[in-house]
Each structure stands twice: as structure tokens, then as C-alpha cells.
C-alpha atoms as a PDB file:
ATOM      1  CA  MET A   1     -42.427  47.326   1.963  1.00  0.00           C
ATOM      2  CA  THR A   2     -40.613  49.088   4.760  1.00  0.00           C
ATOM      3  CA  PRO A   3     -36.563  48.889   4.210  1.00  0.00           C
ATOM      4  CA  ALA A   4     -34.704  47.450   7.114  1.00  0.00           C
ATOM      5  CA  THR A   5     -31.806  49.376   8.514  1.00  0.00           C
ATOM      6  CA  ILE A   6     -29.417  46.567   8.347  1.00  0.00           C
ATOM      7  CA  PRO A   7     -26.491  47.633   6.015  1.00  0.00           C
ATOM      8  CA  PHE A   8     -25.785  45.189   3.204  1.00  0.00           C
ATOM      9  CA  THR A   9     -22.119  45.709   2.983  1.00  0.00           C
ATOM     10  CA  ALA A  10     -20.179  44.787  -0.251  1.00  0.00           C
ATOM     11  CA  SER A  11     -17.579  42.635   1.570  1.00  0.00           C
ATOM     12  CA  PRO A  12     -16.519  41.710   5.184  1.00  0.00           C
ATOM     13  CA  ALA A  13     -13.851  44.216   4.825  1.00  0.00           C
ATOM     14  CA  PRO A  14     -14.617  47.980   4.915  1.00  0.00           C
ATOM     15  CA  VAL A  15     -15.340  49.209   1.333  1.00  0.00           C
ATOM     16  CA  THR A  16     -13.638  52.150   0.010  1.00  0.00           C
ATOM     17  CA  ALA A  17     -15.765  52.721  -3.252  1.00  0.00           C
ATOM     18  CA  LEU A  18     -18.864  51.751  -4.848  1.00  0.00           C
ATOM     19  CA  PRO A  19     -17.859  49.643  -7.954  1.00  0.00           C
ATOM     20  CA  LEU A  20     -19.207  51.170 -11.406  1.00  0.00           C
ATOM     21  CA  PHE A  21     -20.045  47.981 -13.924  1.00  0.00           C
ATOM     22  CA  HIS A  22     -21.401  47.442 -17.257  1.00  0.00           C
ATOM     23  CA  LEU A  23     -22.835  43.956 -16.293  1.00  0.00           C
ATOM     24  CA  TYR A  24     -21.649  42.792 -12.963  1.00  0.00           C
ATOM     25  CA  GLY A  25     -18.147  42.312 -12.953  1.00  0.00           C
ATOM     26  CA  ASP A  26     -17.441  43.943 -16.442  1.00  0.00           C
ATOM     27  CA  PRO A  27     -15.741  47.192 -16.863  1.00  0.00           C
ATOM     28  CA  PRO A  28     -17.887  50.146 -17.510  1.00  0.00           C
ATOM     29  CA  GLU A  29     -18.977  50.808 -20.845  1.00  0.00           C
ATOM     30  CA  ASP A  30     -19.763  54.318 -21.716  1.00  0.00           C
ATOM     31  CA  GLN A  31     -20.699  53.844 -25.221  1.00  0.00           C
ATOM     32  CA  ALA A  32     -23.187  51.253 -24.700  1.00  0.00           C
ATOM     33  CA  PHE A  33     -26.148  52.080 -27.036  1.00  0.00           C
ATOM     34  CA  ASP A  34     -29.437  49.851 -28.210  1.00  0.00           C
ATOM     35  CA  PHE A  35     -28.100  47.303 -25.977  1.00  0.00           C
ATOM     36  CA  VAL A  36     -30.574  44.371 -24.450  1.00  0.00           C
ATOM     37  CA  HIS A  37     -29.244  41.533 -22.562  1.00  0.00           C
ATOM     38  CA  VAL A  38     -30.983  38.537 -20.778  1.00  0.00           C
ATOM     39  CA  GLU A  39     -29.684  36.047 -18.525  1.00  0.00           C
ATOM     40  CA  THR A  40     -30.834  33.531 -15.608  1.00  0.00           C
ATOM     41  CA  ILE A  41     -30.137  34.566 -12.087  1.00  0.00           C
ATOM     42  CA  SER A  42     -28.130  31.401 -11.461  1.00  0.00           C
ATOM     43  CA  SER A  43     -25.859  32.075 -14.506  1.00  0.00           C
ATOM     44  CA  ARG A  44     -24.220  34.883 -12.706  1.00  0.00           C
ATOM     45  CA  SER A  45     -25.177  34.531  -9.099  1.00  0.00           C
ATOM     46  CA  THR A  46     -23.604  31.058  -8.908  1.00  0.00           C
ATOM     47  CA  ARG A  47     -20.085  32.218  -9.829  1.00  0.00           C
ATOM     48  CA  HIS A  48     -20.254  34.755  -6.933  1.00  0.00           C
ATOM     49  CA  ALA A  49     -21.673  32.480  -4.227  1.00  0.00           C
ATOM     50  CA  TRP A  50     -25.153  33.889  -4.913  1.00  0.00           C
ATOM     51  CA  THR A  51     -24.157  37.333  -3.928  1.00  0.00           C
ATOM     52  CA  ILE A  52     -24.136  40.446  -6.129  1.00  0.00           C
ATOM     53  CA  ARG A  53     -22.267  43.009  -4.081  1.00  0.00           C
ATOM     54  CA  ALA A  54     -23.459  46.605  -3.963  1.00  0.00           C
ATOM     55  CA  HIS A  55     -22.558  48.515  -7.299  1.00  0.00           C
ATOM     56  CA  ARG A  56     -24.262  50.763  -9.934  1.00  0.00           C
ATOM     57  CA  HIS A  57     -24.268  50.973 -13.663  1.00  0.00           C
ATOM     58  CA  ARG A  58     -24.083  54.347 -15.538  1.00  0.00           C
ATOM     59  CA  ASN A  59     -26.741  54.015 -18.403  1.00  0.00           C
ATOM     60  CA  LEU A  60     -28.456  50.331 -17.770  1.00  0.00           C
ATOM     61  CA  PHE A  61     -31.894  49.841 -16.447  1.00  0.00           C
ATOM     62  CA  GLN A  62     -32.501  46.289 -15.072  1.00  0.00           C
ATOM     63  CA  ILE A  63     -35.705  44.447 -14.432  1.00  0.00           C
ATOM     64  CA  LEU A  64     -35.328  41.259 -12.407  1.00  0.00           C
ATOM     65  CA  LEU A  65     -38.103  38.261 -12.016  1.00  0.00           C
ATOM     66  CA  ILE A  66     -37.788  36.389  -9.060  1.00  0.00           C
ATOM     67  CA  ALA A  67     -39.553  33.173 -10.214  1.00  0.00           C
ATOM     68  CA  SER A  68     -38.381  30.897  -7.179  1.00  0.00           C
ATOM     69  CA  GLY A  69     -36.614  31.536  -4.141  1.00  0.00           C
ATOM     70  CA  GLY A  70     -35.893  35.011  -2.596  1.00  0.00           C
ATOM     71  CA  GLY A  71     -33.096  36.807  -0.555  1.00  0.00           C
ATOM     72  CA  ASP A  72     -32.150  40.390   0.140  1.00  0.00           C
ATOM     73  CA  MET A  73     -31.566  43.640  -2.060  1.00  0.00           C
ATOM     74  CA  SER A  74     -29.240  46.277  -0.950  1.00  0.00           C
ATOM     75  CA  HIS A  75     -31.140  49.675  -2.435  1.00  0.00           C
ATOM     76  CA  GLU A  76     -28.858  52.717  -1.954  1.00  0.00           C
ATOM     77  CA  ALA A  77     -28.317  52.732   1.778  1.00  0.00           C
ATOM     78  CA  THR A  78     -31.095  50.306   2.868  1.00  0.00           C
ATOM     79  CA  THR A  79     -31.800  46.505   2.522  1.00  0.00           C
ATOM     80  CA  ARG A  80     -35.121  45.199   1.297  1.00  0.00           C
ATOM     81  CA  ALA A  81     -36.233  41.475   1.278  1.00  0.00           C
ATOM     82  CA  PHE A  82     -37.921  39.849  -1.552  1.00  0.00           C
ATOM     83  CA  ALA A  83     -39.456  36.581  -2.160  1.00  0.00           C
ATOM     84  CA  ALA A  84     -40.915  34.746  -5.016  1.00  0.00           C
ATOM     85  CA  PRO A  85     -42.867  35.588  -7.299  1.00  0.00           C
ATOM     86  CA  CYS A  86     -41.854  39.326  -7.552  1.00  0.00           C
ATOM     87  CA  ALA A  87     -40.188  41.690 -10.086  1.00  0.00           C
ATOM     88  CA  ILE A  88     -37.416  44.256  -9.203  1.00  0.00           C
ATOM     89  CA  LEU A  89     -36.741  47.520 -10.913  1.00  0.00           C
ATOM     90  CA  VAL A  90     -33.345  48.983 -10.965  1.00  0.00           C
ATOM     91  CA  PRO A  91     -32.792  51.994 -12.740  1.00  0.00           C
ATOM     92  CA  ALA A  92     -29.166  53.398 -13.927  1.00  0.00           C
ATOM     93  CA  THR A  93     -26.839  55.095 -11.250  1.00  0.00           C
ATOM     94  CA  VAL A  94     -28.804  53.490  -8.070  1.00  0.00           C
ATOM     95  CA  ALA A  95     -26.589  51.523  -5.863  1.00  0.00           C
ATOM     96  CA  HIS A  96     -27.929  48.190  -5.671  1.00  0.00           C
ATOM     97  CA  GLY A  97     -26.710  44.490  -4.906  1.00  0.00           C
ATOM     98  CA  PHE A  98     -28.283  41.124  -4.178  1.00  0.00           C
ATOM     99  CA  ARG A  99     -27.785  38.136  -1.681  1.00  0.00           C
ATOM    100  CA  PHE A 100     -29.926  35.322  -3.332  1.00  0.00           C
ATOM    101  CA  ARG A 101     -31.116  32.179  -1.422  1.00  0.00           C
ATOM    102  CA  PRO A 102     -28.459  29.789  -2.631  1.00  0.00           C
ATOM    103  CA  GLY A 103     -29.647  26.904  -4.764  1.00  0.00           C
ATOM    104  CA  GLU A 104     -33.342  27.933  -4.507  1.00  0.00           C
ATOM    105  CA  THR A 105     -33.662  31.167  -6.245  1.00  0.00           C
ATOM    106  CA  GLU A 106     -34.348  31.404  -9.948  1.00  0.00           C
ATOM    107  CA  GLY A 107     -35.531  33.633 -12.410  1.00  0.00           C
ATOM    108  CA  PHE A 108     -34.216  36.101 -14.998  1.00  0.00           C
ATOM    109  CA  VAL A 109     -32.435  39.639 -15.316  1.00  0.00           C
ATOM    110  CA  VAL A 110     -32.923  41.650 -18.420  1.00  0.00           C
ATOM    111  CA  THR A 111     -30.809  44.609 -18.703  1.00  0.00           C
ATOM    112  CA  PHE A 112     -31.183  47.458 -21.495  1.00  0.00           C
ATOM    113  CA  THR A 113     -29.958  51.023 -21.929  1.00  0.00           C
ATOM    114  CA  GLU A 114     -31.861  53.961 -21.465  1.00  0.00           C
ATOM    115  CA  ASP A 115     -32.269  54.498 -25.023  1.00  0.00           C
ATOM    116  CA  VAL A 116     -34.126  51.538 -25.358  1.00  0.00           C
ATOM    117  CA  ALA A 117     -36.374  52.523 -22.376  1.00  0.00           C
ATOM    118  CA  GLN A 118     -36.926  56.006 -23.964  1.00  0.00           C
ATOM    119  CA  GLY A 119     -38.557  54.496 -27.174  1.00  0.00           C
ATOM    120  CA  LEU A 120     -41.182  52.417 -25.213  1.00  0.00           C
ATOM    121  CA  GLY A 121     -43.650  55.121 -25.093  1.00  0.00           C
ATOM    122  CA  GLU A 122     -45.394  57.399 -27.268  1.00  0.00           C
ATOM    123  CA  ARG A 123     -43.355  60.473 -25.999  1.00  0.00           C
ATOM    124  CA  THR A 124     -39.596  60.576 -25.634  1.00  0.00           C
ATOM    125  CA  GLY A 125     -38.654  60.006 -22.312  1.00  0.00           C
ATOM    126  CA  GLU A 126     -42.084  59.385 -20.734  1.00  0.00           C
ATOM    127  CA  SER A 127     -41.498  55.622 -20.251  1.00  0.00           C
ATOM    128  CA  LEU A 128     -38.137  56.003 -18.894  1.00  0.00           C
ATOM    129  CA  ALA A 129     -39.403  58.977 -16.384  1.00  0.00           C
ATOM    130  CA  ARG A 130     -42.540  56.434 -15.115  1.00  0.00           C
ATOM    131  CA  LEU A 131     -40.309  53.376 -14.689  1.00  0.00           C
ATOM    132  CA  ARG A 132     -37.591  55.563 -12.721  1.00  0.00           C
ATOM    133  CA  ALA A 133     -40.678  56.955 -10.503  1.00  0.00           C
ATOM    134  CA  LEU A 134     -42.267  53.539 -10.199  1.00  0.00           C
ATOM    135  CA  ALA A 135     -38.547  52.104  -9.084  1.00  0.00           C
ATOM    136  CA  ALA A 136     -38.566  54.221  -5.920  1.00  0.00           C
ATOM    137  CA  ASP A 137     -40.140  51.325  -4.267  1.00  0.00           C
ATOM    138  CA  PRO A 138     -38.039  48.645  -6.439  1.00  0.00           C
ATOM    139  CA  VAL A 139     -39.552  45.283  -5.203  1.00  0.00           C
ATOM    140  CA  VAL A 140     -42.911  44.714  -7.031  1.00  0.00           C
ATOM    141  CA  PRO A 141     -44.813  41.710  -5.628  1.00  0.00           C
ATOM    142  CA  ILE A 142     -46.672  39.438  -8.068  1.00  0.00           C
ATOM    143  CA  ALA A 143     -49.585  38.137  -6.129  1.00  0.00           C
ATOM    144  CA  ASP A 144     -51.831  36.488  -9.023  1.00  0.00           C
ATOM    145  CA  ALA A 145     -50.444  33.143 -10.354  1.00  0.00           C
ATOM    146  CA  ALA A 146     -51.601  33.551 -13.712  1.00  0.00           C
ATOM    147  CA  GLU A 147     -50.036  37.028 -14.078  1.00  0.00           C
ATOM    148  CA  ALA A 148     -46.994  35.501 -12.534  1.00  0.00           C
ATOM    149  CA  ALA A 149     -46.933  32.619 -15.233  1.00  0.00           C
ATOM    150  CA  ARG A 150     -47.414  35.083 -18.003  1.00  0.00           C
ATOM    151  CA  ILE A 151     -44.724  37.534 -17.322  1.00  0.00           C
ATOM    152  CA  ALA A 152     -42.263  34.582 -16.599  1.00  0.00           C
ATOM    153  CA  ALA A 153     -43.295  33.645 -20.144  1.00  0.00           C
ATOM    154  CA  LEU A 154     -42.538  36.828 -21.600  1.00  0.00           C
ATOM    155  CA  PHE A 155     -38.792  36.379 -19.892  1.00  0.00           C
ATOM    156  CA  ARG A 156     -38.250  32.889 -21.209  1.00  0.00           C
ATOM    157  CA  ALA A 157     -39.444  34.289 -24.821  1.00  0.00           C
ATOM    158  CA  LEU A 158     -37.098  37.129 -24.697  1.00  0.00           C
ATOM    159  CA  ASN A 159     -34.231  34.751 -23.240  1.00  0.00           C
ATOM    160  CA  GLU A 160     -34.941  32.558 -26.396  1.00  0.00           C
ATOM    161  CA  GLU A 161     -34.699  35.340 -28.791  1.00  0.00           C
ATOM    162  CA  HIS A 162     -31.467  36.467 -27.216  1.00  0.00           C
ATOM    163  CA  VAL A 163     -30.096  32.960 -27.396  1.00  0.00           C
ATOM    164  CA  TRP A 164     -30.678  32.161 -30.777  1.00  0.00           C
ATOM    165  CA  ALA A 165     -30.463  35.686 -32.525  1.00  0.00           C
ATOM    166  CA  ARG A 166     -32.812  34.755 -35.633  1.00  0.00           C
ATOM    167  CA  GLU A 167     -33.645  37.093 -38.333  1.00  0.00           C
ATOM    168  CA  GLY A 168     -35.201  40.391 -36.845  1.00  0.00           C
ATOM    169  CA  TYR A 169     -34.222  39.274 -33.053  1.00  0.00           C
ATOM    170  CA  ARG A 170     -33.096  42.760 -32.481  1.00  0.00           C
ATOM    171  CA  LEU A 171     -36.606  44.235 -33.192  1.00  0.00           C
ATOM    172  CA  ALA A 172     -38.076  40.911 -31.170  1.00  0.00           C
ATOM    173  CA  LEU A 173     -35.657  41.841 -28.159  1.00  0.00           C
ATOM    174  CA  ARG A 174     -37.211  45.399 -28.048  1.00  0.00           C
ATOM    175  CA  ALA A 175     -40.644  44.322 -28.355  1.00  0.00           C
ATOM    176  CA  HIS A 176     -40.373  41.894 -25.524  1.00  0.00           C
ATOM    177  CA  VAL A 177     -38.558  44.123 -23.153  1.00  0.00           C
ATOM    178  CA  ALA A 178     -41.510  46.529 -23.839  1.00  0.00           C
ATOM    179  CA  LEU A 179     -43.916  43.951 -22.976  1.00  0.00           C
ATOM    180  CA  ILE A 180     -42.226  43.116 -19.926  1.00  0.00           C
ATOM    181  CA  ALA A 181     -41.765  46.954 -18.807  1.00  0.00           C
ATOM    182  CA  ILE A 182     -45.271  47.587 -19.451  1.00  0.00           C
ATOM    183  CA  ALA A 183     -46.607  44.373 -17.385  1.00  0.00           C
ATOM    184  CA  VAL A 184     -44.266  45.391 -14.467  1.00  0.00           C
ATOM    185  CA  ALA A 185     -45.022  49.101 -14.617  1.00  0.00           C
ATOM    186  CA  ARG A 186     -48.713  48.167 -14.312  1.00  0.00           C
ATOM    187  CA  LEU A 187     -48.428  45.874 -11.285  1.00  0.00           C
ATOM    188  CA  ALA A 188     -46.066  48.744  -9.733  1.00  0.00           C
ATOM    189  CA  ALA A 189     -48.655  51.327 -10.430  1.00  0.00           C
ATOM    190  CA  GLU A 190     -51.640  49.152  -9.010  1.00  0.00           C
ATOM    191  CA  ARG A 191     -49.504  48.824  -5.764  1.00  0.00           C
ATOM    192  CA  GLU A 192     -49.011  52.526  -5.937  1.00  0.00           C
ATOM    193  CA  ARG A 193     -52.835  53.446  -6.217  1.00  0.00           C
ATOM    194  CA  ALA A 194     -53.544  50.926  -3.671  1.00  0.00           C
ATOM    195  CA  GLN A 195     -51.145  52.431  -1.073  1.00  0.00           C
ATOM    196  CA  ALA A 196     -52.912  55.715  -2.056  1.00  0.00           C
ATOM    197  CA  HIS A 197     -56.301  54.509  -0.664  1.00  0.00           C
ATOM    198  CA  GLY A 198     -57.953  52.947  -3.454  1.00  0.00           C
ATOM    199  CA  PRO A 199     -57.845  52.029  -7.099  1.00  0.00           C
ATOM    200  CA  ALA A 200     -60.164  54.703  -8.332  1.00  0.00           C
ATOM    201  CA  ARG A 201     -57.177  57.243  -7.728  1.00  0.00           C
ATOM    202  CA  SER A 202     -55.132  57.325 -10.801  1.00  0.00           C
ATOM    203  CA  ALA A 203     -51.320  58.142 -10.918  1.00  0.00           C
ATOM    204  CA  PRO A 204     -50.347  61.383 -12.086  1.00  0.00           C
ATOM    205  CA  SER A 205     -49.596  61.994 -15.797  1.00  0.00           C
ATOM    206  CA  LEU A 206     -46.203  62.558 -16.882  1.00  0.00           C
ATOM    207  CA  ALA A 207     -47.067  63.585 -20.390  1.00  0.00           C
ATOM    208  CA  SER A 208     -45.016  66.589 -21.691  1.00  0.00           C
ATOM    209  CA  ALA A 209     -43.138  67.224 -18.342  1.00  0.00           C
ATOM    210  CA  ALA A 210     -41.443  63.764 -18.615  1.00  0.00           C
ATOM    211  CA  PRO A 211     -38.533  64.850 -20.874  1.00  0.00           C
ATOM    212  CA  VAL A 212     -37.945  67.963 -18.999  1.00  0.00           C
ATOM    213  CA  VAL A 213     -37.593  65.991 -15.653  1.00  0.00           C
ATOM    214  CA  GLU A 214     -35.245  63.531 -17.627  1.00  0.00           C
ATOM    215  CA  ALA A 215     -33.162  66.225 -18.662  1.00  0.00           C
ATOM    216  CA  LEU A 216     -33.079  67.791 -15.217  1.00  0.00           C
ATOM    217  CA  ARG A 217     -31.887  64.443 -13.769  1.00  0.00           C
ATOM    218  CA  ASP A 218     -29.085  64.049 -16.484  1.00  0.00           C
ATOM    219  CA  LEU A 219     -28.034  67.622 -15.686  1.00  0.00           C
ATOM    220  CA  VAL A 220     -28.070  66.986 -11.818  1.00  0.00           C
ATOM    221  CA  GLU A 221     -26.190  63.825 -12.312  1.00  0.00           C
ATOM    222  CA  THR A 222     -23.407  65.853 -14.074  1.00  0.00           C
ATOM    223  CA  HIS A 223     -23.216  69.033 -11.847  1.00  0.00           C
ATOM    224  CA  PHE A 224     -24.710  67.951  -8.336  1.00  0.00           C
ATOM    225  CA  ARG A 225     -21.390  68.172  -6.541  1.00  0.00           C
ATOM    226  CA  THR A 226     -20.527  71.703  -7.438  1.00  0.00           C
ATOM    227  CA  GLU A 227     -24.100  73.402  -8.723  1.00  0.00           C
ATOM    228  CA  ARG A 228     -26.917  73.631  -6.626  1.00  0.00           C
ATOM    229  CA  ARG A 229     -28.452  76.674  -8.078  1.00  0.00           C
ATOM    230  CA  LEU A 230     -31.959  76.256  -9.427  1.00  0.00           C
ATOM    231  CA  ALA A 231     -31.283  79.135 -11.776  1.00  0.00           C
ATOM    232  CA  PHE A 232     -28.258  77.367 -13.283  1.00  0.00           C
ATOM    233  CA  TYR A 233     -30.338  74.435 -14.153  1.00  0.00           C
ATOM    234  CA  ALA A 234     -33.154  76.290 -15.503  1.00  0.00           C
ATOM    235  CA  ASP A 235     -30.931  78.482 -17.715  1.00  0.00           C
ATOM    236  CA  THR A 236     -29.100  75.455 -19.262  1.00  0.00           C
ATOM    237  CA  LEU A 237     -32.627  74.036 -19.964  1.00  0.00           C
ATOM    238  CA  ALA A 238     -33.636  77.311 -21.481  1.00  0.00           C
ATOM    239  CA  MET A 239     -36.820  78.094 -19.456  1.00  0.00           C
ATOM    240  CA  THR A 240     -37.338  80.048 -16.257  1.00  0.00           C
ATOM    241  CA  VAL A 241     -37.186  78.907 -12.750  1.00  0.00           C
ATOM    242  CA  ASP A 242     -40.898  78.939 -12.551  1.00  0.00           C
ATOM    243  CA  ARG A 243     -41.420  76.821 -15.406  1.00  0.00           C
ATOM    244  CA  LEU A 244     -38.992  74.351 -14.520  1.00  0.00           C
ATOM    245  CA  ASN A 245     -40.567  74.010 -11.184  1.00  0.00           C
ATOM    246  CA  ASP A 246     -44.104  73.680 -13.049  1.00  0.00           C
ATOM    247  CA  HIS A 247     -42.749  70.849 -14.979  1.00  0.00           C
ATOM    248  CA  VAL A 248     -41.182  68.863 -12.357  1.00  0.00           C
ATOM    249  CA  LYS A 249     -44.384  69.365  -9.887  1.00  0.00           C
ATOM    250  CA  ARG A 250     -46.471  68.104 -12.157  1.00  0.00           C
ATOM    251  CA  ALA A 251     -44.345  64.922 -13.040  1.00  0.00           C
ATOM    252  CA  THR A 252     -43.143  64.102  -9.499  1.00  0.00           C
ATOM    253  CA  GLY A 253     -45.199  66.104  -6.983  1.00  0.00           C
ATOM    254  CA  VAL A 254     -41.965  67.697  -5.584  1.00  0.00           C
ATOM    255  CA  THR A 255     -39.926  70.908  -6.392  1.00  0.00           C
ATOM    256  CA  ALA A 256     -36.971  70.763  -8.810  1.00  0.00           C
ATOM    257  CA  GLY A 257     -34.753  72.102  -5.959  1.00  0.00           C
ATOM    258  CA  HIS A 258     -35.906  68.860  -3.859  1.00  0.00           C
ATOM    259  CA  LEU A 259     -34.736  66.527  -6.810  1.00  0.00           C
ATOM    260  CA  ILE A 260     -31.108  68.335  -6.754  1.00  0.00           C
ATOM    261  CA  ARG A 261     -30.771  68.328  -3.023  1.00  0.00           C
ATOM    262  CA  GLN A 262     -32.085  64.546  -2.715  1.00  0.00           C
ATOM    263  CA  ARG A 263     -29.253  63.763  -5.325  1.00  0.00           C
ATOM    264  CA  VAL A 264     -26.461  65.183  -2.761  1.00  0.00           C
ATOM    265  CA  VAL A 265     -28.394  63.361   0.090  1.00  0.00           C
ATOM    266  CA  THR A 266     -28.148  59.976  -1.933  1.00  0.00           C
ATOM    267  CA  GLU A 267     -24.497  60.472  -2.775  1.00  0.00           C
ATOM    268  CA  ALA A 268     -23.726  61.497   1.002  1.00  0.00           C
ATOM    269  CA  LYS A 269     -25.301  58.261   2.143  1.00  0.00           C
ATOM    270  CA  ARG A 270     -23.542  56.004  -0.234  1.00  0.00           C
ATOM    271  CA  GLN A 271     -20.355  57.474   0.931  1.00  0.00           C
ATOM    272  CA  LEU A 272     -21.195  57.222   4.579  1.00  0.00           C
ATOM    273  CA  VAL A 273     -22.417  53.428   4.085  1.00  0.00           C
ATOM    274  CA  PHE A 274     -20.310  52.009   1.452  1.00  0.00           C
ATOM    275  CA  THR A 275     -16.812  53.759   2.116  1.00  0.00           C
ATOM    276  CA  THR A 276     -14.814  54.516   5.048  1.00  0.00           C
ATOM    277  CA  GLN A 277     -13.919  57.864   4.042  1.00  0.00           C
ATOM    278  CA  PRO A 278     -13.947  60.509   6.864  1.00  0.00           C
ATOM    279  CA  ILE A 279     -17.245  62.505   7.233  1.00  0.00           C
ATOM    280  CA  HIS A 280     -15.546  65.902   6.918  1.00  0.00           C
ATOM    281  CA  GLU A 281     -13.888  64.748   3.744  1.00  0.00           C
ATOM    282  CA  ILE A 282     -17.297  63.537   2.339  1.00  0.00           C
ATOM    283  CA  GLY A 283     -18.606  67.014   3.054  1.00  0.00           C
ATOM    284  CA  PHE A 284     -15.638  68.528   1.166  1.00  0.00           C
ATOM    285  CA  ASP A 285     -15.957  66.154  -1.669  1.00  0.00           C
ATOM    286  CA  LEU A 286     -19.754  67.290  -2.088  1.00  0.00           C
ATOM    287  CA  ALA A 287     -18.499  71.260  -2.074  1.00  0.00           C
ATOM    288  CA  PHE A 288     -19.727  71.900   1.468  1.00  0.00           C
ATOM    289  CA  ALA A 289     -17.644  74.980   2.816  1.00  0.00           C
ATOM    290  CA  ASP A 290     -17.246  73.434   6.298  1.00  0.00           C
ATOM    291  CA  PRO A 291     -18.213  69.893   8.360  1.00  0.00           C
ATOM    292  CA  SER A 292     -20.826  71.725  10.257  1.00  0.00           C
ATOM    293  CA  HIS A 293     -22.402  73.202   7.031  1.00  0.00           C
ATOM    294  CA  PHE A 294     -22.522  69.609   5.684  1.00  0.00           C
ATOM    295  CA  THR A 295     -23.789  68.248   9.010  1.00  0.00           C
ATOM    296  CA  ARG A 296     -26.947  70.779   9.084  1.00  0.00           C
ATOM    297  CA  PHE A 297     -27.768  70.088   5.719  1.00  0.00           C
ATOM    298  CA  PHE A 298     -27.685  66.382   6.189  1.00  0.00           C
ATOM    299  CA  ARG A 299     -29.812  66.335   9.582  1.00  0.00           C
ATOM    300  CA  LYS A 300     -32.249  68.709   7.912  1.00  0.00           C
ATOM    301  CA  GLN A 301     -32.814  66.243   5.044  1.00  0.00           C
ATOM    302  CA  THR A 302     -32.619  63.173   6.847  1.00  0.00           C
ATOM    303  CA  GLY A 303     -33.466  63.888  10.604  1.00  0.00           C
ATOM    304  CA  MET A 304     -30.088  62.678  11.695  1.00  0.00           C
ATOM    305  CA  THR A 305     -26.413  63.384  11.630  1.00  0.00           C
ATOM    306  CA  PRO A 306     -24.017  61.854   9.190  1.00  0.00           C
ATOM    307  CA  GLN A 307     -22.238  59.904  12.234  1.00  0.00           C
ATOM    308  CA  ALA A 308     -25.510  58.567  13.459  1.00  0.00           C
ATOM    309  CA  PHE A 309     -26.527  57.523   9.931  1.00  0.00           C
ATOM    310  CA  ARG A 310     -23.024  55.751   9.488  1.00  0.00           C
ATOM    311  CA  GLU A 311     -23.118  53.930  13.028  1.00  0.00           C
ATOM    312  CA  GLN A 312     -26.707  52.431  12.384  1.00  0.00           C
ATOM    313  CA  GLY A 313     -25.643  51.495   8.841  1.00  0.00           C
ATOM    314  CA  GLY A 314     -27.824  53.356   6.724  1.00  0.00           C
ATOM    315  CA  GLY A 315     -31.675  53.735   6.829  1.00  0.00           C
END
């Protein structure tokens, strides 16, 4: 699905910050652990005029099931349309928001901390890394009616366990989250293979590289504003630069340096679209020595200047 270039603004007035929430509207909860929550789309969106404004979560992964209706999703600095039946993957830290079709959109939102996702696979961190990779294209259509009904039944069962909280419900919650994540990941992986010209081509295995990639992502999230040297990240992870690059390339197909640069670009795009901060201040905030350096970097990575990107509202 090709993203549109229409900005999905958080409000009619200029936005000065991208909100950080636990669940939408709730204060951040940095200590959240072993957390699973499920609710219907209408239960929260009706309180906000069917619009969930652009925001992010620090350590929560979300999977949405759109069982009826549809709408638009803001995904970082782009807007994507979606229609039922489909699933939507939203990793932690990703800027996102929704504008649902009023009165006709229904489904579920399951939210869980990343420690829950890390426990879904046979290897620590492999499932989280795979879900994050698949979520690069967040809207996952569900073309088969029987599959849509089966996934909807999993969400309903999860919701029932959450509401009734019977004996063993925490284990049951994790089990249902695992089944939902596997079902949606399979659909996303099938789409990925089809886009790569045919079902015979399998997706690359993350295997032992996944924990290293997740550790690198965590480090980059903490230090990207001030630290761009690949040697810093390799030293912190107790490996050579070549070994780090090998892990990252096997898991993602790109270099570790690319991941670092893309995180800087993502933050620049967020501030250009979601804030009214002057461009030179955005550059200084991202540790560029002067505005021209920031402009050259941004143009090299995106093909346009920061001013052009802001004027067209993202892309």
C-alpha cells in the first residue's frame, strides 16, 4: 500500500509536541511490565470523536483488528487508508494516530509490553524483531473471510479473558496474544513474499541475529541524538564493527549505520510535521553543527530539503 502525502495533523492548530502516552490519554508508565490490555475500538474512539490524534508509546506494541468500517492512519509522517477486514501493527515508539469512520468502525485493540512480545518466540527477541520488521508496512489486509472470522474469534476470546479475569487468566492472555501475533505475522509475511515476486521466496531468518538487532535498536533509541559513530555501538555491545554489521545485515538486509541514520531521519520528520519548531532548531536538537549540514544530511536521505518536506506535509 502506497502511503499518501497528506499530513495527518494532531489538531487544527499547530502541534508543538508529539504526545507520549501509556494508553491513549493516560500518562506514560515507564515501569510497565508484563502488561496486556484489550478493548474495542469504539470504547475509546467514541470519547474522542472517532479520532485518535498522533502520539507514541514508549514500550507498548499494539495490534488492531478492523472488523468493520475503516479510516485513515497516521504512520510517522505519512497517512495510510485502511478498510475492514484488516489488522494493523504498531510497534513501540512509532508515531501513529487514527481517524475512524464514525459509527461504522469496530474491532479490537490489543496492547502489550515488549517483554510479552519477546516471550512469544523460541529465541529471546526474535519474535519482537520479526513483528517490528513486518510493521514497516503496518496495514495488513485479511482477504480470506474464514481467516478474518478466525482472527476475530481470537480477539473476542482474549477480550473475554481480560474482562472476566478468571483463574489462570494471565497465562491465557499471553497465549491468546501469541496466537493473534502469529496469525497476523503470517499474513504480513505472505504479503511480503508476494511483493517479492512469488510465494516460493521465503523471508530471511532472524535467528541469532535478532537479539543483537534489538539491543542495537534500544541503544540507538537512547543515544541517536548525540552519538552516530558505529564504533560506539559496537563497543557497547562488546563486538567489532564488522561483526555488528554482519548481524544487522543478516536480520534486516541493511547496515547498522543505515539503522542509525534512519532513526535520525525519523525524528527529523516527526519534528518537521508534528511541530512548528524552526528548522535550524531541529537541526541543533539533533546535534548537527549548522543548518546547512542538517539540510545536506536530510536531502541525501530523503531526496528533498527539510523545508520542502514540511511544506508538503510529509511523505
